[in-house]
């Protein structure tokens, strides 16, 4: 048996998220079907992050096993030629059999992009907000998220294992003129967690609510002050980190 790691980019606009679902077109489903056509084997494609419907990826990671050793260069070319234009496998390499894209990951990094003015080129890839945004205030509020905490209040659905503790390593907003980017890195994220955090931070900034109230909200799992979940099109899975051997 041979194990292969894929680094994938996709425009999530026309997909019902990453994970295979019945009666829905998903990124995982499309790639797995092409892998099965090429290998002539049943493929179990494992992804590092289950991005929601409409969410994009610049650095999604997945892996699959098959019984034959593949010519990686030729196989990658064939796979990309079969995939639609909104999905691209940027890298493929053989990895040890014990590598698992989800369970071996040590962190995931997401970007959330906000546009300050209308642009036909960013309509599908950012959240348009015309009102003034205080980035310095957002960064002060974001400090409440740093560390290992129970983030159940920011989970749209409970995970299968029932665990809602995550360790957020960094959460930082930066103004790039016409765009504002929120960068957040954690060991794991709950369902819709980044979009719910983004929307809540924007609410706290707009209503001038104190950071102490945000910390209290997390500790007490109080959903009353949740902001509107930020739209999917502004969110990108940018990077998945692994240990030195992966």
Protein backbone atom coordinates (compact mmCIF):
# COMPACT_ATOMS: atom_id res chain seq x y z
CA UNK A 1 0.00 0.00 0.00
CA UNK A 2 1.19 3.53 -0.84
CA UNK A 3 0.10 6.83 0.69
CA UNK A 4 -0.03 10.16 -1.15
CA UNK A 5 -0.38 13.70 0.16
CA UNK A 6 -2.13 16.37 -1.94
CA UNK A 7 -2.03 20.15 -1.46
CA UNK A 8 -5.18 21.60 -3.00
CA UNK A 9 -6.59 24.98 -3.98
CA UNK A 10 -10.24 25.55 -4.79
CA UNK A 11 -12.87 28.19 -5.35
CA UNK A 12 -15.68 26.99 -3.10
CA UNK A 13 -18.41 29.14 -4.69
CA UNK A 14 -20.20 26.33 -6.51
CA UNK A 15 -19.60 23.56 -3.96
CA UNK A 16 -21.48 22.39 -0.87
CA UNK A 17 -18.27 22.44 1.12
CA UNK A 18 -15.39 19.98 1.22
CA UNK A 19 -16.98 16.89 2.72
CA UNK A 20 -18.86 14.34 0.62
CA UNK A 21 -22.65 14.57 1.05
CA UNK A 22 -25.56 12.82 -0.56
CA UNK A 23 -27.21 14.72 -3.41
CA UNK A 24 -24.64 17.53 -3.32
CA UNK A 25 -21.52 18.46 -5.28
CA UNK A 26 -18.51 18.73 -2.97
CA UNK A 27 -14.80 19.28 -3.49
CA UNK A 28 -13.89 15.98 -1.82
CA UNK A 29 -16.40 14.13 -3.97
CA UNK A 30 -15.15 15.60 -7.23
CA UNK A 31 -11.47 14.87 -6.50
CA UNK A 32 -12.18 11.36 -5.17
CA UNK A 33 -14.12 10.43 -8.31
CA UNK A 34 -11.21 11.51 -10.53
CA UNK A 35 -8.74 9.58 -8.37
CA UNK A 36 -10.87 6.47 -8.71
CA UNK A 37 -10.99 6.88 -12.48
CA UNK A 38 -7.19 7.17 -12.68
CA UNK A 39 -6.29 4.42 -10.19
CA UNK A 40 -9.25 2.10 -10.98
CA UNK A 41 -9.55 1.60 -7.22
CA UNK A 42 -11.98 2.69 -4.51
CA UNK A 43 -10.40 5.77 -2.92
CA UNK A 44 -10.91 7.14 0.58
CA UNK A 45 -9.75 10.76 0.32
CA UNK A 46 -9.06 12.27 3.75
CA UNK A 47 -9.04 16.07 4.19
CA UNK A 48 -7.37 18.23 6.84
CA UNK A 49 -10.29 20.64 7.18
CA UNK A 50 -14.01 20.34 6.44
CA UNK A 51 -14.61 23.73 4.88
CA UNK A 52 -18.24 24.89 4.72
CA UNK A 53 -20.31 25.54 1.62
CA UNK A 54 -18.88 28.51 -0.30
CA UNK A 55 -15.57 28.61 1.60
CA UNK A 56 -12.34 28.62 -0.42
CA UNK A 57 -8.91 27.06 0.07
CA UNK A 58 -5.39 28.05 -0.90
CA UNK A 59 -3.75 25.23 1.05
CA UNK A 60 -6.14 22.40 1.83
CA UNK A 61 -4.30 19.13 2.46
CA UNK A 62 -5.63 15.64 1.78
CA UNK A 63 -4.25 12.14 1.47
CA UNK A 64 -5.26 8.84 -0.08
CA UNK A 65 -3.86 5.31 -0.23
CA UNK A 66 -3.74 2.90 -3.15
CA UNK A 67 -2.18 -0.47 -3.87
CA UNK A 68 0.09 0.71 -6.69
CA UNK A 69 3.11 3.01 -6.59
CA UNK A 70 2.33 6.01 -8.78
CA UNK A 71 4.52 8.16 -10.99
CA UNK A 72 3.74 11.35 -9.03
CA UNK A 73 4.65 13.83 -11.78
CA UNK A 74 2.60 12.12 -14.49
CA UNK A 75 -0.28 11.32 -12.14
CA UNK A 76 -0.52 14.94 -10.94
CA UNK A 77 -0.64 16.20 -14.52
CA UNK A 78 -3.40 13.71 -15.40
CA UNK A 79 -5.40 14.51 -12.28
CA UNK A 80 -5.34 18.27 -12.88
CA UNK A 81 -6.34 17.78 -16.52
CA UNK A 82 -9.48 15.96 -15.34
CA UNK A 83 -10.45 18.37 -12.55
CA UNK A 84 -12.66 21.41 -13.22
CA UNK A 85 -10.93 24.77 -13.44
CA UNK A 86 -12.05 25.81 -9.94
CA UNK A 87 -10.09 22.95 -8.30
CA UNK A 88 -6.31 22.53 -8.62
CA UNK A 89 -3.90 20.11 -6.95
CA UNK A 90 -0.74 22.18 -6.47
CA UNK A 91 1.48 19.46 -5.05
CA UNK A 92 1.50 15.69 -4.69
CA UNK A 93 4.04 13.54 -2.90
CA UNK A 94 4.39 10.07 -1.46
CA UNK A 95 4.32 10.03 2.35
CA UNK A 96 4.63 7.34 5.06
CA UNK A 97 1.59 5.10 5.51
CA UNK A 98 0.95 6.53 8.98
CA UNK A 99 0.46 10.06 7.61
CA UNK A 100 -3.12 11.30 8.08
CA UNK A 101 -3.97 14.77 6.78
CA UNK A 102 -6.41 15.49 9.59
CA UNK A 103 -4.99 13.78 12.66
CA UNK A 104 -1.32 14.57 12.00
CA UNK A 105 -1.96 18.30 11.50
CA UNK A 106 -0.64 20.55 14.28
CA UNK A 107 -2.40 23.74 13.15
CA UNK A 108 -4.66 25.29 10.52
CA UNK A 109 -4.53 28.90 9.36
CA UNK A 110 -7.48 30.77 7.88
CA UNK A 111 -7.76 34.23 6.35
CA UNK A 112 -10.97 36.22 6.31
CA UNK A 113 -10.98 39.01 3.71
CA UNK A 114 -13.04 42.18 3.98
CA UNK A 115 -13.35 44.66 1.10
CA UNK A 116 -13.92 48.35 1.85
CA UNK A 117 -15.26 49.19 -1.62
CA UNK A 118 -17.13 47.42 -4.38
CA UNK A 119 -15.04 45.39 -6.82
CA UNK A 120 -16.24 42.97 -9.50
CA UNK A 121 -13.09 40.91 -8.95
CA UNK A 122 -13.60 40.35 -5.21
CA UNK A 123 -17.38 39.85 -5.09
CA UNK A 124 -16.95 36.09 -4.67
CA UNK A 125 -13.86 36.31 -2.46
CA UNK A 126 -14.54 38.90 0.23
CA UNK A 127 -17.17 40.45 2.50
CA UNK A 128 -18.03 44.00 1.43
CA UNK A 129 -18.37 46.42 4.37
CA UNK A 130 -18.73 50.13 3.62
CA UNK A 131 -18.62 51.38 7.21
CA UNK A 132 -15.34 52.37 8.86
CA UNK A 133 -13.61 49.56 10.76
CA UNK A 134 -11.22 50.15 13.65
CA UNK A 135 -8.51 47.50 13.14
CA UNK A 136 -6.66 48.47 16.33
CA UNK A 137 -9.81 47.85 18.37
CA UNK A 138 -10.37 44.50 16.62
CA UNK A 139 -6.83 43.41 17.51
CA UNK A 140 -7.39 44.27 21.17
CA UNK A 141 -10.64 42.32 21.19
CA UNK A 142 -8.97 39.35 19.46
CA UNK A 143 -6.58 38.87 22.38
CA UNK A 144 -9.53 37.33 24.26
CA UNK A 145 -9.33 34.30 21.98
CA UNK A 146 -5.66 33.45 22.41
CA UNK A 147 -4.90 30.24 24.28
CA UNK A 148 -6.49 26.88 24.98
CA UNK A 149 -10.18 27.34 25.76
CA UNK A 150 -13.61 25.82 25.38
CA UNK A 151 -15.10 27.50 22.29
CA UNK A 152 -18.48 25.76 22.34
CA UNK A 153 -20.22 29.13 21.99
CA UNK A 154 -18.65 29.44 18.54
CA UNK A 155 -19.72 26.03 17.23
CA UNK A 156 -22.71 25.87 14.92
CA UNK A 157 -22.80 22.09 15.40
CA UNK A 158 -21.19 19.89 18.03
CA UNK A 159 -18.27 17.81 16.70
CA UNK A 160 -18.63 14.03 16.48
CA UNK A 161 -16.28 13.51 19.43
CA UNK A 162 -18.12 16.10 21.56
CA UNK A 163 -14.88 18.01 22.25
CA UNK A 164 -15.07 21.80 21.90
CA UNK A 165 -11.69 22.81 23.31
CA UNK A 166 -9.31 24.46 20.84
CA UNK A 167 -6.00 26.25 21.17
CA UNK A 168 -5.88 29.50 19.21
CA UNK A 169 -2.25 30.39 18.57
CA UNK A 170 -2.75 33.76 16.89
CA UNK A 171 -5.58 36.07 15.80
CA UNK A 172 -4.59 39.26 14.04
CA UNK A 173 -6.26 41.89 11.83
CA UNK A 174 -4.29 43.92 9.28
CA UNK A 175 -5.32 46.83 7.07
CA UNK A 176 -4.06 46.65 3.48
CA UNK A 177 -5.74 49.82 2.19
CA UNK A 178 -8.73 48.57 0.23
CA UNK A 179 -8.76 45.25 2.08
CA UNK A 180 -8.69 44.12 5.69
CA UNK A 181 -7.50 40.59 6.41
CA UNK A 182 -8.15 38.65 9.60
CA UNK A 183 -5.59 35.88 10.09
CA UNK A 184 -6.31 33.18 12.67
CA UNK A 185 -4.35 30.02 13.48
CA UNK A 186 -5.38 27.19 15.82
CA UNK A 187 -4.77 23.51 16.40
CA UNK A 188 -8.35 22.84 15.30
CA UNK A 189 -11.58 24.70 14.52
CA UNK A 190 -15.20 23.85 15.19
CA UNK A 191 -17.97 23.95 12.59
CA UNK A 192 -18.32 27.56 11.27
CA UNK A 193 -16.08 28.75 14.13
CA UNK A 194 -13.96 31.22 12.15
CA UNK A 195 -16.99 32.86 10.53
CA UNK A 196 -18.79 33.11 13.88
CA UNK A 197 -15.70 34.61 15.55
CA UNK A 198 -15.30 37.10 12.69
CA UNK A 199 -18.93 38.20 12.86
CA UNK A 200 -18.82 38.53 16.66
CA UNK A 201 -15.62 40.59 16.62
CA UNK A 202 -17.16 42.90 14.02
CA UNK A 203 -20.24 43.32 16.23
CA UNK A 204 -18.14 44.11 19.31
CA UNK A 205 -16.10 46.64 17.32
CA UNK A 206 -19.17 48.32 15.82
CA UNK A 207 -21.09 48.52 19.12
CA UNK A 208 -17.99 49.43 21.14
CA UNK A 209 -18.46 46.51 23.53
CA UNK A 210 -15.64 45.76 26.01
CA UNK A 211 -13.17 42.89 25.67
CA UNK A 212 -14.07 41.76 29.19
CA UNK A 213 -17.58 40.98 27.97
CA UNK A 214 -16.16 38.90 25.14
CA UNK A 215 -14.00 36.88 27.54
CA UNK A 216 -17.04 36.37 29.79
CA UNK A 217 -19.11 35.24 26.80
CA UNK A 218 -16.52 32.54 25.94
CA UNK A 219 -16.20 31.35 29.54
CA UNK A 220 -19.96 31.18 30.15
CA UNK A 221 -20.85 29.86 26.66
CA UNK A 222 -23.32 32.74 26.35
CA UNK A 223 -24.67 33.05 22.79
CA UNK A 224 -26.67 36.27 23.36
CA UNK A 225 -23.87 38.52 22.11
CA UNK A 226 -22.89 36.47 19.05
CA UNK A 227 -22.61 38.57 15.94
CA UNK A 228 -24.07 37.52 12.60
CA UNK A 229 -22.01 34.71 11.08
CA UNK A 230 -19.73 36.28 8.47
CA UNK A 231 -20.51 35.24 4.87
CA UNK A 232 -18.70 32.19 3.51
CA UNK A 233 -17.16 33.85 0.46
CA UNK A 234 -14.63 35.84 2.51
CA UNK A 235 -13.07 32.78 4.16
CA UNK A 236 -9.97 30.90 2.94
CA UNK A 237 -8.18 27.88 4.40
CA UNK A 238 -4.63 29.07 3.75
CA UNK A 239 -2.25 26.61 5.39
CA UNK A 240 -2.13 23.34 7.29
CA UNK A 241 1.01 22.71 9.35
CA UNK A 242 2.52 19.32 10.17
CA UNK A 243 5.47 18.07 12.16
CA UNK A 244 8.99 18.00 10.70
CA UNK A 245 8.54 14.51 9.25
CA UNK A 246 5.35 15.35 7.34
